[in-house]
Amino acid sequence: MVSPLLDNVRANLAQLRAEGDIAKGRTDWGHPHITARGPTGTEVASCIHDAEIGIVAKTGKPVPGVAGQAAYELVTSVMQLTSNGWKQADQTVEADKCAIS
């Protein structure tokens, strides 16, 4: 990842740690495919099954809200070519956008 996405992920992980929350479960990344190419990056999309949920470590129960629930999600990432290879520059996650089979 590159900034600012990398900075946001680091901040979210620090917040989880400060709140005493953990994540458990697996994510099936589906079948990523290129949806657009442009001068600033390449867009990659995939319908994923995100069964990784937030857990309150003290109680072992899921955190309230969407972070505590498994979901099918459309994940769209913008990838940038850097001197060290392809890096993720941006990402959107949308629930209820995937056909569940």
N, C-alpha and C. Protein backbone atom coordinates (compact mmCIF):
# COMPACT_ATOMS: atom_id res chain seq x y z
N MET A 1 0.83 -1.19 0.00
CA MET A 1 0.00 0.00 0.00
C MET A 1 0.87 1.25 0.00
N VAL A 2 0.28 2.33 -0.46
CA VAL A 2 0.93 3.63 -0.42
C VAL A 2 0.03 4.60 0.34
N SER A 3 0.62 5.69 0.80
CA SER A 3 -0.17 6.72 1.50
C SER A 3 -1.09 7.40 0.50
N PRO A 4 -2.26 7.84 0.90
CA PRO A 4 -2.77 7.90 2.26
C PRO A 4 -3.46 6.63 2.74
N LEU A 5 -3.71 5.66 1.83
CA LEU A 5 -4.38 4.43 2.23
C LEU A 5 -3.61 3.71 3.33
N LEU A 6 -2.31 3.61 3.19
CA LEU A 6 -1.48 2.95 4.20
C LEU A 6 -1.61 3.62 5.55
N ASP A 7 -1.64 4.94 5.57
CA ASP A 7 -1.78 5.68 6.84
C ASP A 7 -3.13 5.38 7.49
N ASN A 8 -4.19 5.31 6.67
CA ASN A 8 -5.53 5.02 7.20
C ASN A 8 -5.60 3.61 7.79
N VAL A 9 -5.00 2.64 7.12
CA VAL A 9 -4.99 1.26 7.62
C VAL A 9 -4.23 1.19 8.94
N ARG A 10 -3.10 1.85 9.01
CA ARG A 10 -2.33 1.87 10.26
C ARG A 10 -3.13 2.49 11.40
N ALA A 11 -3.84 3.59 11.11
CA ALA A 11 -4.65 4.25 12.14
C ALA A 11 -5.79 3.34 12.60
N ASN A 12 -6.43 2.63 11.66
CA ASN A 12 -7.51 1.71 12.03
C ASN A 12 -7.00 0.56 12.89
N LEU A 13 -5.83 0.03 12.57
CA LEU A 13 -5.25 -1.05 13.38
C LEU A 13 -4.89 -0.55 14.78
N ALA A 14 -4.37 0.66 14.87
CA ALA A 14 -4.05 1.23 16.18
C ALA A 14 -5.32 1.43 17.00
N GLN A 15 -6.41 1.85 16.36
CA GLN A 15 -7.67 2.03 17.06
C GLN A 15 -8.20 0.69 17.57
N LEU A 16 -8.12 -0.36 16.75
CA LEU A 16 -8.53 -1.69 17.21
C LEU A 16 -7.74 -2.11 18.44
N ARG A 17 -6.44 -1.91 18.39
CA ARG A 17 -5.59 -2.27 19.52
C ARG A 17 -5.98 -1.47 20.77
N ALA A 18 -6.19 -0.17 20.62
CA ALA A 18 -6.53 0.69 21.75
C ALA A 18 -7.87 0.29 22.37
N GLU A 19 -8.82 -0.15 21.53
CA GLU A 19 -10.13 -0.55 22.03
C GLU A 19 -10.16 -1.99 22.53
N GLY A 20 -9.06 -2.72 22.33
CA GLY A 20 -9.01 -4.11 22.77
C GLY A 20 -9.76 -5.06 21.87
N ASP A 21 -9.98 -4.68 20.61
CA ASP A 21 -10.69 -5.53 19.67
C ASP A 21 -9.70 -6.33 18.84
N ILE A 22 -10.15 -7.49 18.36
CA ILE A 22 -9.34 -8.34 17.49
C ILE A 22 -10.21 -8.73 16.30
N ALA A 23 -9.61 -9.36 15.32
CA ALA A 23 -10.36 -9.85 14.16
C ALA A 23 -10.14 -11.35 14.05
N LYS A 24 -11.23 -12.07 13.73
CA LYS A 24 -11.15 -13.51 13.52
C LYS A 24 -11.94 -13.87 12.28
N GLY A 25 -11.51 -14.91 11.61
CA GLY A 25 -12.23 -15.41 10.45
C GLY A 25 -11.40 -15.32 9.19
N ARG A 26 -11.98 -15.82 8.11
CA ARG A 26 -11.29 -15.88 6.83
C ARG A 26 -11.99 -14.99 5.81
N THR A 27 -11.24 -14.63 4.79
CA THR A 27 -11.81 -13.90 3.67
C THR A 27 -11.53 -14.69 2.40
N ASP A 28 -12.57 -14.95 1.62
CA ASP A 28 -12.44 -15.57 0.30
C ASP A 28 -12.39 -14.41 -0.69
N TRP A 29 -11.25 -14.23 -1.35
CA TRP A 29 -11.03 -13.07 -2.21
C TRP A 29 -11.68 -13.18 -3.58
N GLY A 30 -12.44 -14.24 -3.83
CA GLY A 30 -13.16 -14.35 -5.10
C GLY A 30 -12.23 -14.45 -6.29
N HIS A 31 -12.59 -13.77 -7.37
CA HIS A 31 -11.83 -13.81 -8.62
C HIS A 31 -11.53 -12.39 -9.08
N PRO A 32 -10.47 -11.78 -8.54
CA PRO A 32 -10.13 -10.40 -8.92
C PRO A 32 -9.89 -10.28 -10.43
N HIS A 33 -10.37 -9.17 -10.99
CA HIS A 33 -10.16 -8.91 -12.41
C HIS A 33 -10.02 -7.41 -12.65
N ILE A 34 -9.27 -7.07 -13.69
CA ILE A 34 -9.05 -5.67 -14.05
C ILE A 34 -10.32 -5.12 -14.67
N THR A 35 -10.77 -3.97 -14.17
CA THR A 35 -11.98 -3.34 -14.69
C THR A 35 -11.69 -2.04 -15.43
N ALA A 36 -10.51 -1.46 -15.21
CA ALA A 36 -10.15 -0.22 -15.91
C ALA A 36 -8.64 -0.01 -15.81
N ARG A 37 -8.10 0.63 -16.83
CA ARG A 37 -6.68 1.02 -16.85
C ARG A 37 -6.62 2.49 -17.21
N GLY A 38 -5.71 3.20 -16.54
CA GLY A 38 -5.57 4.62 -16.83
C GLY A 38 -4.19 5.10 -16.49
N PRO A 39 -3.92 6.38 -16.74
CA PRO A 39 -2.59 6.93 -16.51
C PRO A 39 -2.21 6.98 -15.03
N THR A 40 -3.19 6.98 -14.13
CA THR A 40 -2.87 7.08 -12.70
C THR A 40 -2.96 5.74 -11.98
N GLY A 41 -3.40 4.69 -12.69
CA GLY A 41 -3.46 3.39 -12.04
C GLY A 41 -4.37 2.42 -12.76
N THR A 42 -4.42 1.23 -12.22
CA THR A 42 -5.26 0.16 -12.75
C THR A 42 -6.28 -0.21 -11.68
N GLU A 43 -7.54 -0.34 -12.09
CA GLU A 43 -8.61 -0.69 -11.15
C GLU A 43 -8.85 -2.19 -11.21
N VAL A 44 -8.91 -2.81 -10.03
CA VAL A 44 -9.15 -4.24 -9.90
C VAL A 44 -10.36 -4.42 -9.00
N ALA A 45 -11.30 -5.28 -9.40
CA ALA A 45 -12.50 -5.51 -8.61
C ALA A 45 -12.68 -7.00 -8.36
N SER A 46 -13.34 -7.32 -7.23
CA SER A 46 -13.67 -8.71 -6.92
C SER A 46 -14.81 -8.74 -5.93
N CYS A 47 -15.70 -9.71 -6.09
CA CYS A 47 -16.72 -9.98 -5.09
C CYS A 47 -16.09 -10.95 -4.08
N ILE A 48 -16.06 -10.53 -2.84
CA ILE A 48 -15.43 -11.35 -1.81
C ILE A 48 -16.48 -11.79 -0.79
N HIS A 49 -16.15 -12.88 -0.08
CA HIS A 49 -16.94 -13.25 1.09
C HIS A 49 -16.05 -12.95 2.28
N ASP A 50 -16.39 -11.88 2.98
CA ASP A 50 -15.60 -11.41 4.11
C ASP A 50 -16.19 -11.97 5.40
N ALA A 51 -15.60 -13.07 5.89
CA ALA A 51 -16.06 -13.68 7.13
C ALA A 51 -15.13 -13.31 8.29
N GLU A 52 -14.22 -12.35 8.04
CA GLU A 52 -13.38 -11.84 9.12
C GLU A 52 -14.18 -10.77 9.85
N ILE A 53 -14.43 -10.99 11.12
CA ILE A 53 -15.25 -10.04 11.88
C ILE A 53 -14.48 -9.53 13.08
N GLY A 54 -14.87 -8.35 13.52
CA GLY A 54 -14.28 -7.75 14.72
C GLY A 54 -14.86 -8.42 15.95
N ILE A 55 -14.00 -8.71 16.91
CA ILE A 55 -14.38 -9.37 18.16
C ILE A 55 -13.89 -8.51 19.32
N VAL A 56 -14.74 -8.34 20.33
CA VAL A 56 -14.31 -7.68 21.57
C VAL A 56 -13.52 -8.72 22.34
N ALA A 57 -12.22 -8.51 22.47
CA ALA A 57 -11.34 -9.52 23.07
C ALA A 57 -11.77 -9.90 24.49
N LYS A 58 -12.23 -8.94 25.27
CA LYS A 58 -12.61 -9.21 26.67
C LYS A 58 -13.81 -10.15 26.78
N THR A 59 -14.75 -10.04 25.84
CA THR A 59 -15.98 -10.83 25.93
C THR A 59 -16.03 -11.98 24.93
N GLY A 60 -15.23 -11.89 23.85
CA GLY A 60 -15.29 -12.90 22.80
C GLY A 60 -16.49 -12.75 21.89
N LYS A 61 -17.27 -11.66 22.04
CA LYS A 61 -18.47 -11.43 21.23
C LYS A 61 -18.15 -10.47 20.09
N PRO A 62 -18.91 -10.59 18.98
CA PRO A 62 -18.69 -9.67 17.85
C PRO A 62 -18.91 -8.21 18.26
N VAL A 63 -18.13 -7.32 17.65
CA VAL A 63 -18.33 -5.90 17.89
C VAL A 63 -19.68 -5.49 17.28
N PRO A 64 -20.30 -4.44 17.79
CA PRO A 64 -21.58 -3.99 17.22
C PRO A 64 -21.40 -3.48 15.80
N GLY A 65 -22.45 -3.57 15.01
CA GLY A 65 -22.44 -3.01 13.66
C GLY A 65 -21.89 -3.94 12.61
N VAL A 66 -21.61 -3.38 11.45
CA VAL A 66 -21.21 -4.17 10.29
C VAL A 66 -19.86 -4.86 10.49
N ALA A 67 -18.97 -4.28 11.29
CA ALA A 67 -17.66 -4.90 11.49
C ALA A 67 -17.77 -6.23 12.24
N GLY A 68 -18.90 -6.48 12.88
CA GLY A 68 -19.11 -7.72 13.61
C GLY A 68 -19.93 -8.74 12.85
N GLN A 69 -20.10 -8.55 11.54
CA GLN A 69 -20.91 -9.45 10.73
C GLN A 69 -20.17 -9.87 9.47
N ALA A 70 -20.32 -11.13 9.09
CA ALA A 70 -19.79 -11.60 7.81
C ALA A 70 -20.65 -11.02 6.69
N ALA A 71 -20.04 -10.80 5.51
CA ALA A 71 -20.80 -10.20 4.41
C ALA A 71 -20.16 -10.54 3.07
N TYR A 72 -20.99 -10.46 2.02
CA TYR A 72 -20.49 -10.48 0.65
C TYR A 72 -20.31 -9.02 0.25
N GLU A 73 -19.15 -8.69 -0.30
CA GLU A 73 -18.83 -7.30 -0.61
C GLU A 73 -18.13 -7.18 -1.96
N LEU A 74 -18.40 -6.09 -2.65
CA LEU A 74 -17.66 -5.75 -3.86
C LEU A 74 -16.49 -4.87 -3.43
N VAL A 75 -15.28 -5.36 -3.65
CA VAL A 75 -14.08 -4.61 -3.30
C VAL A 75 -13.44 -4.14 -4.60
N THR A 76 -13.24 -2.82 -4.70
CA THR A 76 -12.59 -2.23 -5.87
C THR A 76 -11.33 -1.52 -5.39
N SER A 77 -10.20 -1.90 -5.96
CA SER A 77 -8.91 -1.33 -5.56
C SER A 77 -8.26 -0.64 -6.74
N VAL A 78 -7.60 0.48 -6.46
CA VAL A 78 -6.79 1.17 -7.46
C VAL A 78 -5.34 0.83 -7.15
N MET A 79 -4.68 0.26 -8.14
CA MET A 79 -3.29 -0.14 -8.00
C MET A 79 -2.39 0.82 -8.78
N GLN A 80 -1.26 1.20 -8.16
CA GLN A 80 -0.28 2.08 -8.81
C GLN A 80 1.01 1.32 -9.01
N LEU A 81 1.63 1.53 -10.15
CA LEU A 81 2.94 0.96 -10.40
C LEU A 81 3.99 1.87 -9.79
N THR A 82 4.77 1.35 -8.85
CA THR A 82 5.84 2.12 -8.20
C THR A 82 7.18 1.51 -8.57
N SER A 83 8.24 2.11 -8.12
CA SER A 83 9.57 1.57 -8.38
C SER A 83 9.78 0.21 -7.70
N ASN A 84 8.91 -0.11 -6.72
CA ASN A 84 8.99 -1.40 -6.01
C ASN A 84 7.89 -2.36 -6.43
N GLY A 85 7.23 -2.10 -7.55
CA GLY A 85 6.16 -2.97 -8.03
C GLY A 85 4.79 -2.34 -7.80
N TRP A 86 3.75 -3.13 -8.02
CA TRP A 86 2.39 -2.65 -7.88
C TRP A 86 2.02 -2.50 -6.41
N LYS A 87 1.40 -1.37 -6.08
CA LYS A 87 0.98 -1.06 -4.71
C LYS A 87 -0.47 -0.58 -4.73
N GLN A 88 -1.19 -0.90 -3.68
CA GLN A 88 -2.58 -0.48 -3.57
C GLN A 88 -2.63 0.98 -3.11
N ALA A 89 -3.34 1.81 -3.88
CA ALA A 89 -3.41 3.24 -3.59
C ALA A 89 -4.77 3.66 -3.03
N ASP A 90 -5.81 2.91 -3.35
CA ASP A 90 -7.15 3.27 -2.88
C ASP A 90 -8.01 2.02 -2.89
N GLN A 91 -9.09 2.06 -2.11
CA GLN A 91 -10.00 0.91 -2.06
C GLN A 91 -11.39 1.36 -1.63
N THR A 92 -12.41 0.80 -2.28
CA THR A 92 -13.79 0.98 -1.84
C THR A 92 -14.39 -0.39 -1.59
N VAL A 93 -15.26 -0.46 -0.58
CA VAL A 93 -15.94 -1.70 -0.24
C VAL A 93 -17.43 -1.41 -0.20
N GLU A 94 -18.20 -2.18 -0.97
CA GLU A 94 -19.64 -1.94 -1.04
C GLU A 94 -20.38 -3.24 -0.73
N ALA A 95 -21.24 -3.19 0.28
CA ALA A 95 -22.08 -4.32 0.60
C ALA A 95 -23.25 -4.39 -0.38
N ASP A 96 -23.82 -5.58 -0.52
CA ASP A 96 -25.02 -5.79 -1.34
C ASP A 96 -24.81 -5.45 -2.82
N LYS A 97 -23.59 -5.57 -3.32
CA LYS A 97 -23.32 -5.30 -4.73
C LYS A 97 -22.91 -6.57 -5.48
N CYS A 98 -22.86 -7.71 -4.79
CA CYS A 98 -22.42 -8.96 -5.41
C CYS A 98 -23.59 -9.93 -5.52
N ALA A 99 -23.62 -10.65 -6.63
CA ALA A 99 -24.60 -11.74 -6.79
C ALA A 99 -24.05 -12.93 -6.01
N ILE A 100 -24.83 -13.42 -5.06
CA ILE A 100 -24.39 -14.54 -4.23
C ILE A 100 -24.87 -15.82 -4.89
N SER A 101 -23.91 -16.74 -5.13
CA SER A 101 -24.28 -17.99 -5.79
C SER A 101 -24.12 -19.16 -4.85
